[in-house]
Amino acid sequence: MVFDHLPGSDWVFYGAEEEKARPSAQAMERFGVRRRETFRTEQRFRDDAELFAKMQVQGATEIQRAQHFAGATNIVIPMSYELALL
């Protein structure tokens, strides 16, 4: 059983995890997914400072992308993920 982000998710983009999510999804397909369930949730932040603090440990690309939310409050970033039974 695998829980992982789905490629194309907004959260994957802002977290700069495209290069991790895509190969993971491809590997699951190679193993053969017997059953899957997709979930959609949200990453929520009170303000840009809270978001920037989260992204600070991620790296430069994430921080750059988070600038899109500069000055924002009540930030909501959609996140899709999947539970797959291989």
PDB file of N, CA and C in Angstrom:
ATOM      1  N   MET A   1       0.835  -1.153   0.000  1.00  0.00           N
ATOM      2  CA  MET A   1       0.000   0.000   0.000  1.00  0.00           C
ATOM      3  C   MET A   1       0.896   1.237   0.000  1.00  0.00           C
ATOM      4  N   VAL A   2       0.535   2.226  -0.814  1.00  0.00           N
ATOM      5  CA  VAL A   2       1.336   3.438  -0.944  1.00  0.00           C
ATOM      6  C   VAL A   2       0.422   4.651  -0.824  1.00  0.00           C
ATOM      7  N   PHE A   3       0.803   5.592   0.011  1.00  0.00           N
ATOM      8  CA  PHE A   3       0.164   6.904   0.104  1.00  0.00           C
ATOM      9  C   PHE A   3       1.143   7.897  -0.496  1.00  0.00           C
ATOM     10  N   ASP A   4       0.721   8.673  -1.490  1.00  0.00           N
ATOM     11  CA  ASP A   4       1.653   9.638  -2.070  1.00  0.00           C
ATOM     12  C   ASP A   4       0.898  10.777  -2.734  1.00  0.00           C
ATOM     13  N   HIS A   5       1.596  11.912  -2.884  1.00  0.00           N
ATOM     14  CA  HIS A   5       1.052  13.066  -3.601  1.00  0.00           C
ATOM     15  C   HIS A   5       0.805  12.693  -5.055  1.00  0.00           C
ATOM     16  N   LEU A   6      -0.196  13.319  -5.646  1.00  0.00           N
ATOM     17  CA  LEU A   6      -0.447  13.114  -7.070  1.00  0.00           C
ATOM     18  C   LEU A   6       0.264  14.182  -7.889  1.00  0.00           C
ATOM     19  N   PRO A   7       0.893  13.797  -8.982  1.00  0.00           N
ATOM     20  CA  PRO A   7       1.481  14.799  -9.876  1.00  0.00           C
ATOM     21  C   PRO A   7       0.389  15.770 -10.329  1.00  0.00           C
ATOM     22  N   GLY A   8       0.736  17.015 -10.457  1.00  0.00           N
ATOM     23  CA  GLY A   8      -0.221  18.024 -10.892  1.00  0.00           C
ATOM     24  C   GLY A   8      -0.931  18.731  -9.757  1.00  0.00           C
ATOM     25  N   SER A   9      -0.767  18.268  -8.540  1.00  0.00           N
ATOM     26  CA  SER A   9      -1.377  18.908  -7.379  1.00  0.00           C
ATOM     27  C   SER A   9      -0.748  20.285  -7.164  1.00  0.00           C
ATOM     28  N   ASP A  10      -1.556  21.254  -6.772  1.00  0.00           N
ATOM     29  CA  ASP A  10      -1.010  22.583  -6.459  1.00  0.00           C
ATOM     30  C   ASP A  10       0.057  22.491  -5.377  1.00  0.00           C
ATOM     31  N   TRP A  11      -0.188  21.666  -4.366  1.00  0.00           N
ATOM     32  CA  TRP A  11       0.782  21.541  -3.276  1.00  0.00           C
ATOM     33  C   TRP A  11       2.100  20.953  -3.784  1.00  0.00           C
ATOM     34  N   VAL A  12       2.038  20.019  -4.705  1.00  0.00           N
ATOM     35  CA  VAL A  12       3.256  19.464  -5.304  1.00  0.00           C
ATOM     36  C   VAL A  12       4.030  20.572  -6.010  1.00  0.00           C
ATOM     37  N   PHE A  13       3.314  21.457  -6.724  1.00  0.00           N
ATOM     38  CA  PHE A  13       3.975  22.566  -7.403  1.00  0.00           C
ATOM     39  C   PHE A  13       4.640  23.500  -6.396  1.00  0.00           C
ATOM     40  N   TYR A  14       3.888  23.988  -5.416  1.00  0.00           N
ATOM     41  CA  TYR A  14       4.460  24.953  -4.472  1.00  0.00           C
ATOM     42  C   TYR A  14       5.546  24.323  -3.602  1.00  0.00           C
ATOM     43  N   GLY A  15       5.457  23.025  -3.373  1.00  0.00           N
ATOM     44  CA  GLY A  15       6.499  22.326  -2.623  1.00  0.00           C
ATOM     45  C   GLY A  15       7.652  21.868  -3.497  1.00  0.00           C
ATOM     46  N   ALA A  16       7.578  22.193  -4.797  1.00  0.00           N
ATOM     47  CA  ALA A  16       8.616  21.826  -5.777  1.00  0.00           C
ATOM     48  C   ALA A  16       8.945  20.338  -5.704  1.00  0.00           C
ATOM     49  N   GLU A  17       7.891  19.526  -5.669  1.00  0.00           N
ATOM     50  CA  GLU A  17       8.072  18.085  -5.579  1.00  0.00           C
ATOM     51  C   GLU A  17       7.686  17.360  -6.865  1.00  0.00           C
ATOM     52  N   GLU A  18       7.629  18.088  -7.980  1.00  0.00           N
ATOM     53  CA  GLU A  18       7.263  17.463  -9.252  1.00  0.00           C
ATOM     54  C   GLU A  18       8.202  16.316  -9.602  1.00  0.00           C
ATOM     55  N   GLU A  19       9.495  16.535  -9.372  1.00  0.00           N
ATOM     56  CA  GLU A  19      10.496  15.526  -9.734  1.00  0.00           C
ATOM     57  C   GLU A  19      10.479  14.329  -8.796  1.00  0.00           C
ATOM     58  N   LYS A  20       9.716  14.407  -7.714  1.00  0.00           N
ATOM     59  CA  LYS A  20       9.544  13.265  -6.816  1.00  0.00           C
ATOM     60  C   LYS A  20       8.209  12.579  -7.073  1.00  0.00           C
ATOM     61  N   ALA A  21       7.159  13.361  -7.273  1.00  0.00           N
ATOM     62  CA  ALA A  21       5.813  12.804  -7.424  1.00  0.00           C
ATOM     63  C   ALA A  21       5.668  12.029  -8.735  1.00  0.00           C
ATOM     64  N   ARG A  22       6.214  12.567  -9.809  1.00  0.00           N
ATOM     65  CA  ARG A  22       6.061  11.914 -11.117  1.00  0.00           C
ATOM     66  C   ARG A  22       6.710  10.524 -11.142  1.00  0.00           C
ATOM     67  N   PRO A  23       7.982  10.382 -10.754  1.00  0.00           N
ATOM     68  CA  PRO A  23       8.593   9.042 -10.770  1.00  0.00           C
ATOM     69  C   PRO A  23       7.900   8.067  -9.814  1.00  0.00           C
ATOM     70  N   SER A  24       7.404   8.568  -8.713  1.00  0.00           N
ATOM     71  CA  SER A  24       6.690   7.715  -7.765  1.00  0.00           C
ATOM     72  C   SER A  24       5.424   7.156  -8.415  1.00  0.00           C
ATOM     73  N   ALA A  25       4.659   8.019  -9.085  1.00  0.00           N
ATOM     74  CA  ALA A  25       3.437   7.589  -9.763  1.00  0.00           C
ATOM     75  C   ALA A  25       3.764   6.590 -10.872  1.00  0.00           C
ATOM     76  N   GLN A  26       4.840   6.834 -11.602  1.00  0.00           N
ATOM     77  CA  GLN A  26       5.242   5.918 -12.678  1.00  0.00           C
ATOM     78  C   GLN A  26       5.660   4.562 -12.117  1.00  0.00           C
ATOM     79  N   ALA A  27       6.369   4.567 -11.001  1.00  0.00           N
ATOM     80  CA  ALA A  27       6.792   3.311 -10.382  1.00  0.00           C
ATOM     81  C   ALA A  27       5.589   2.502  -9.923  1.00  0.00           C
ATOM     82  N   MET A  28       4.599   3.173  -9.354  1.00  0.00           N
ATOM     83  CA  MET A  28       3.394   2.455  -8.922  1.00  0.00           C
ATOM     84  C   MET A  28       2.702   1.805 -10.109  1.00  0.00           C
ATOM     85  N   GLU A  29       2.637   2.507 -11.229  1.00  0.00           N
ATOM     86  CA  GLU A  29       2.008   1.942 -12.428  1.00  0.00           C
ATOM     87  C   GLU A  29       2.772   0.712 -12.916  1.00  0.00           C
ATOM     88  N   ARG A  30       4.104   0.750 -12.851  1.00  0.00           N
ATOM     89  CA  ARG A  30       4.909  -0.397 -13.278  1.00  0.00           C
ATOM     90  C   ARG A  30       4.649  -1.625 -12.397  1.00  0.00           C
ATOM     91  N   PHE A  31       4.455  -1.389 -11.097  1.00  0.00           N
ATOM     92  CA  PHE A  31       4.171  -2.494 -10.187  1.00  0.00           C
ATOM     93  C   PHE A  31       2.770  -3.051 -10.417  1.00  0.00           C
ATOM     94  N   GLY A  32       1.885  -2.209 -10.912  1.00  0.00           N
ATOM     95  CA  GLY A  32       0.512  -2.627 -11.143  1.00  0.00           C
ATOM     96  C   GLY A  32      -0.376  -2.260  -9.974  1.00  0.00           C
ATOM     97  N   VAL A  33      -1.197  -1.273 -10.174  1.00  0.00           N
ATOM     98  CA  VAL A  33      -2.108  -0.820  -9.126  1.00  0.00           C
ATOM     99  C   VAL A  33      -3.378  -1.664  -9.206  1.00  0.00           C
ATOM    100  N   ARG A  34      -3.677  -2.363  -8.132  1.00  0.00           N
ATOM    101  CA  ARG A  34      -4.880  -3.201  -8.095  1.00  0.00           C
ATOM    102  C   ARG A  34      -6.104  -2.390  -7.679  1.00  0.00           C
ATOM    103  N   ARG A  35      -5.875  -1.411  -6.857  1.00  0.00           N
ATOM    104  CA  ARG A  35      -6.971  -0.556  -6.401  1.00  0.00           C
ATOM    105  C   ARG A  35      -6.395   0.780  -5.999  1.00  0.00           C
ATOM    106  N   ARG A  36      -7.138   1.848  -6.268  1.00  0.00           N
ATOM    107  CA  ARG A  36      -6.667   3.177  -5.885  1.00  0.00           C
ATOM    108  C   ARG A  36      -7.833   4.033  -5.436  1.00  0.00           C
ATOM    109  N   GLU A  37      -7.502   4.966  -4.568  1.00  0.00           N
ATOM    110  CA  GLU A  37      -8.489   5.931  -4.086  1.00  0.00           C
ATOM    111  C   GLU A  37      -7.790   7.292  -4.049  1.00  0.00           C
ATOM    112  N   THR A  38      -8.426   8.269  -4.662  1.00  0.00           N
ATOM    113  CA  THR A  38      -7.869   9.625  -4.698  1.00  0.00           C
ATOM    114  C   THR A  38      -8.562  10.483  -3.653  1.00  0.00           C
ATOM    115  N   PHE A  39      -7.773  11.300  -2.968  1.00  0.00           N
ATOM    116  CA  PHE A  39      -8.280  12.194  -1.929  1.00  0.00           C
ATOM    117  C   PHE A  39      -7.855  13.619  -2.251  1.00  0.00           C
ATOM    118  N   ARG A  40      -8.685  14.541  -1.886  1.00  0.00           N
ATOM    119  CA  ARG A  40      -8.359  15.957  -2.046  1.00  0.00           C
ATOM    120  C   ARG A  40      -8.534  16.642  -0.702  1.00  0.00           C
ATOM    121  N   THR A  41      -7.515  17.381  -0.343  1.00  0.00           N
ATOM    122  CA  THR A  41      -7.549  18.122   0.907  1.00  0.00           C
ATOM    123  C   THR A  41      -6.899  19.472   0.661  1.00  0.00           C
ATOM    124  N   GLU A  42      -6.581  20.180   1.706  1.00  0.00           N
ATOM    125  CA  GLU A  42      -5.977  21.505   1.564  1.00  0.00           C
ATOM    126  C   GLU A  42      -4.897  21.706   2.605  1.00  0.00           C
ATOM    127  N   GLN A  43      -3.860  22.400   2.207  1.00  0.00           N
ATOM    128  CA  GLN A  43      -2.860  22.896   3.143  1.00  0.00           C
ATOM    129  C   GLN A  43      -3.296  24.323   3.472  1.00  0.00           C
ATOM    130  N   ARG A  44      -3.439  24.624   4.744  1.00  0.00           N
ATOM    131  CA  ARG A  44      -3.932  25.948   5.161  1.00  0.00           C
ATOM    132  C   ARG A  44      -2.887  26.652   6.020  1.00  0.00           C
ATOM    133  N   PHE A  45      -2.762  27.949   5.780  1.00  0.00           N
ATOM    134  CA  PHE A  45      -1.815  28.783   6.518  1.00  0.00           C
ATOM    135  C   PHE A  45      -2.511  30.083   6.894  1.00  0.00           C
ATOM    136  N   ARG A  46      -2.283  30.527   8.112  1.00  0.00           N
ATOM    137  CA  ARG A  46      -2.903  31.785   8.571  1.00  0.00           C
ATOM    138  C   ARG A  46      -2.468  32.969   7.734  1.00  0.00           C
ATOM    139  N   ASP A  47      -1.193  32.962   7.355  1.00  0.00           N
ATOM    140  CA  ASP A  47      -0.651  34.093   6.598  1.00  0.00           C
ATOM    141  C   ASP A  47       0.617  33.670   5.878  1.00  0.00           C
ATOM    142  N   ASP A  48       1.189  34.611   5.125  1.00  0.00           N
ATOM    143  CA  ASP A  48       2.397  34.295   4.362  1.00  0.00           C
ATOM    144  C   ASP A  48       3.570  33.924   5.259  1.00  0.00           C
ATOM    145  N   ALA A  49       3.644  34.499   6.446  1.00  0.00           N
ATOM    146  CA  ALA A  49       4.751  34.185   7.359  1.00  0.00           C
ATOM    147  C   ALA A  49       4.719  32.706   7.755  1.00  0.00           C
ATOM    148  N   GLU A  50       3.527  32.183   8.024  1.00  0.00           N
ATOM    149  CA  GLU A  50       3.407  30.771   8.376  1.00  0.00           C
ATOM    150  C   GLU A  50       3.784  29.884   7.188  1.00  0.00           C
ATOM    151  N   LEU A  51       3.343  30.254   5.995  1.00  0.00           N
ATOM    152  CA  LEU A  51       3.706  29.507   4.793  1.00  0.00           C
ATOM    153  C   LEU A  51       5.204  29.576   4.544  1.00  0.00           C
ATOM    154  N   PHE A  52       5.791  30.764   4.639  1.00  0.00           N
ATOM    155  CA  PHE A  52       7.225  30.911   4.399  1.00  0.00           C
ATOM    156  C   PHE A  52       8.036  30.100   5.400  1.00  0.00           C
ATOM    157  N   ALA A  53       7.566  30.028   6.648  1.00  0.00           N
ATOM    158  CA  ALA A  53       8.270  29.226   7.657  1.00  0.00           C
ATOM    159  C   ALA A  53       8.272  27.747   7.256  1.00  0.00           C
ATOM    160  N   LYS A  54       7.170  27.273   6.719  1.00  0.00           N
ATOM    161  CA  LYS A  54       7.083  25.882   6.248  1.00  0.00           C
ATOM    162  C   LYS A  54       8.020  25.656   5.061  1.00  0.00           C
ATOM    163  N   MET A  55       8.048  26.608   4.137  1.00  0.00           N
ATOM    164  CA  MET A  55       8.858  26.461   2.934  1.00  0.00           C
ATOM    165  C   MET A  55      10.340  26.706   3.184  1.00  0.00           C
ATOM    166  N   GLN A  56      10.667  27.405   4.237  1.00  0.00           N
ATOM    167  CA  GLN A  56      12.064  27.750   4.541  1.00  0.00           C
ATOM    168  C   GLN A  56      12.947  26.506   4.596  1.00  0.00           C
ATOM    169  N   VAL A  57      12.432  25.431   5.149  1.00  0.00           N
ATOM    170  CA  VAL A  57      13.241  24.213   5.272  1.00  0.00           C
ATOM    171  C   VAL A  57      13.250  23.403   3.983  1.00  0.00           C
ATOM    172  N   GLN A  58      12.383  23.750   3.044  1.00  0.00           N
ATOM    173  CA  GLN A  58      12.279  23.003   1.794  1.00  0.00           C
ATOM    174  C   GLN A  58      13.378  23.377   0.797  1.00  0.00           C
ATOM    175  N   GLY A  59      13.598  24.676   0.589  1.00  0.00           N
ATOM    176  CA  GLY A  59      14.629  25.076  -0.348  1.00  0.00           C
ATOM    177  C   GLY A  59      14.266  26.320  -1.134  1.00  0.00           C
ATOM    178  N   ALA A  60      15.174  26.743  -1.999  1.00  0.00           N
ATOM    179  CA  ALA A  60      15.057  28.010  -2.725  1.00  0.00           C
ATOM    180  C   ALA A  60      13.872  28.041  -3.695  1.00  0.00           C
ATOM    181  N   THR A  61      13.639  26.958  -4.416  1.00  0.00           N
ATOM    182  CA  THR A  61      12.541  26.940  -5.388  1.00  0.00           C
ATOM    183  C   THR A  61      11.204  27.105  -4.684  1.00  0.00           C
ATOM    184  N   GLU A  62      11.030  26.406  -3.569  1.00  0.00           N
ATOM    185  CA  GLU A  62       9.790  26.499  -2.813  1.00  0.00           C
ATOM    186  C   GLU A  62       9.563  27.905  -2.292  1.00  0.00           C
ATOM    187  N   ILE A  63      10.615  28.512  -1.781  1.00  0.00           N
ATOM    188  CA  ILE A  63      10.513  29.880  -1.262  1.00  0.00           C
ATOM    189  C   ILE A  63      10.144  30.838  -2.384  1.00  0.00           C
ATOM    190  N   GLN A  64      10.764  30.675  -3.538  1.00  0.00           N
ATOM    191  CA  GLN A  64      10.460  31.529  -4.686  1.00  0.00           C
ATOM    192  C   GLN A  64       8.990  31.377  -5.090  1.00  0.00           C
ATOM    193  N   ARG A  65       8.508  30.158  -5.158  1.00  0.00           N
ATOM    194  CA  ARG A  65       7.114  29.927  -5.552  1.00  0.00           C
ATOM    195  C   ARG A  65       6.137  30.453  -4.497  1.00  0.00           C
ATOM    196  N   ALA A  66       6.522  30.380  -3.242  1.00  0.00           N
ATOM    197  CA  ALA A  66       5.658  30.871  -2.164  1.00  0.00           C
ATOM    198  C   ALA A  66       5.500  32.388  -2.212  1.00  0.00           C
ATOM    199  N   GLN A  67       6.389  33.081  -2.901  1.00  0.00           N
ATOM    200  CA  GLN A  67       6.271  34.542  -3.029  1.00  0.00           C
ATOM    201  C   GLN A  67       4.949  34.937  -3.680  1.00  0.00           C
ATOM    202  N   HIS A  68       4.339  34.012  -4.397  1.00  0.00           N
ATOM    203  CA  HIS A  68       3.017  34.246  -4.993  1.00  0.00           C
ATOM    204  C   HIS A  68       2.010  34.666  -3.914  1.00  0.00           C
ATOM    205  N   PHE A  69       2.216  34.213  -2.683  1.00  0.00           N
ATOM    206  CA  PHE A  69       1.296  34.485  -1.580  1.00  0.00           C
ATOM    207  C   PHE A  69       1.753  35.633  -0.678  1.00  0.00           C
ATOM    208  N   ALA A  70       2.757  36.387  -1.090  1.00  0.00           N
ATOM    209  CA  ALA A  70       3.270  37.482  -0.274  1.00  0.00           C
ATOM    210  C   ALA A  70       2.140  38.438   0.101  1.00  0.00           C
ATOM    211  N   GLY A  71       2.029  38.700   1.390  1.00  0.00           N
ATOM    212  CA  GLY A  71       1.021  39.615   1.904  1.00  0.00           C
ATOM    213  C   GLY A  71      -0.355  38.998   2.093  1.00  0.00           C
ATOM    214  N   ALA A  72      -0.514  37.735   1.726  1.00  0.00           N
ATOM    215  CA  ALA A  72      -1.828  37.080   1.804  1.00  0.00           C
ATOM    216  C   ALA A  72      -2.108  36.556   3.219  1.00  0.00           C
ATOM    217  N   THR A  73      -3.373  36.418   3.519  1.00  0.00           N
ATOM    218  CA  THR A  73      -3.824  35.772   4.746  1.00  0.00           C
ATOM    219  C   THR A  73      -4.819  34.680   4.364  1.00  0.00           C
ATOM    220  N   ASN A  74      -5.075  33.792   5.305  1.00  0.00           N
ATOM    221  CA  ASN A  74      -6.011  32.676   5.061  1.00  0.00           C
ATOM    222  C   ASN A  74      -5.683  31.957   3.746  1.00  0.00           C
ATOM    223  N   ILE A  75      -4.448  31.518   3.637  1.00  0.00           N
ATOM    224  CA  ILE A  75      -3.962  30.859   2.420  1.00  0.00           C
ATOM    225  C   ILE A  75      -4.446  29.409   2.390  1.00  0.00           C
ATOM    226  N   VAL A  76      -4.983  29.012   1.249  1.00  0.00           N
ATOM    227  CA  VAL A  76      -5.456  27.644   1.042  1.00  0.00           C
ATOM    228  C   VAL A  76      -4.811  27.118  -0.243  1.00  0.00           C
ATOM    229  N   ILE A  77      -4.070  26.019  -0.117  1.00  0.00           N
ATOM    230  CA  ILE A  77      -3.423  25.407  -1.275  1.00  0.00           C
ATOM    231  C   ILE A  77      -3.976  23.987  -1.417  1.00  0.00           C
ATOM    232  N   PRO A  78      -4.697  23.714  -2.514  1.00  0.00           N
ATOM    233  CA  PRO A  78      -5.251  22.376  -2.719  1.00  0.00           C
ATOM    234  C   PRO A  78      -4.147  21.318  -2.820  1.00  0.00           C
ATOM    235  N   MET A  79      -4.441  20.156  -2.250  1.00  0.00           N
ATOM    236  CA  MET A  79      -3.486  19.053  -2.277  1.00  0.00           C
ATOM    237  C   MET A  79      -4.240  17.772  -2.614  1.00  0.00           C
ATOM    238  N   SER A  80      -3.805  17.090  -3.648  1.00  0.00           N
ATOM    239  CA  SER A  80      -4.386  15.799  -4.030  1.00  0.00           C
ATOM    240  C   SER A  80      -3.362  14.709  -3.735  1.00  0.00           C
ATOM    241  N   TYR A  81      -3.864  13.596  -3.242  1.00  0.00           N
ATOM    242  CA  TYR A  81      -2.984  12.461  -2.983  1.00  0.00           C
ATOM    243  C   TYR A  81      -3.760  11.182  -3.230  1.00  0.00           C
ATOM    244  N   GLU A  82      -3.047  10.092  -3.267  1.00  0.00           N
ATOM    245  CA  GLU A  82      -3.649   8.827  -3.624  1.00  0.00           C
ATOM    246  C   GLU A  82      -3.209   7.729  -2.674  1.00  0.00           C
ATOM    247  N   LEU A  83      -4.110   6.827  -2.385  1.00  0.00           N
ATOM    248  CA  LEU A  83      -3.815   5.596  -1.688  1.00  0.00           C
ATOM    249  C   LEU A  83      -3.913   4.503  -2.741  1.00  0.00           C
ATOM    250  N   ALA A  84      -2.820   3.792  -2.938  1.00  0.00           N
ATOM    251  CA  ALA A  84      -2.795   2.754  -3.974  1.00  0.00           C
ATOM    252  C   ALA A  84      -2.428   1.411  -3.361  1.00  0.00           C
ATOM    253  N   LEU A  85      -3.157   0.404  -3.767  1.00  0.00           N
ATOM    254  CA  LEU A  85      -2.858  -0.962  -3.365  1.00  0.00           C
ATOM    255  C   LEU A  85      -2.159  -1.632  -4.548  1.00  0.00           C
ATOM    256  N   LEU A  86      -0.917  -2.016  -4.340  1.00  0.00           N
ATOM    257  CA  LEU A  86      -0.142  -2.650  -5.412  1.00  0.00           C
ATOM    258  C   LEU A  86      -0.251  -4.158  -5.342  1.00  0.00           C
TER     259      LEU A  86
END
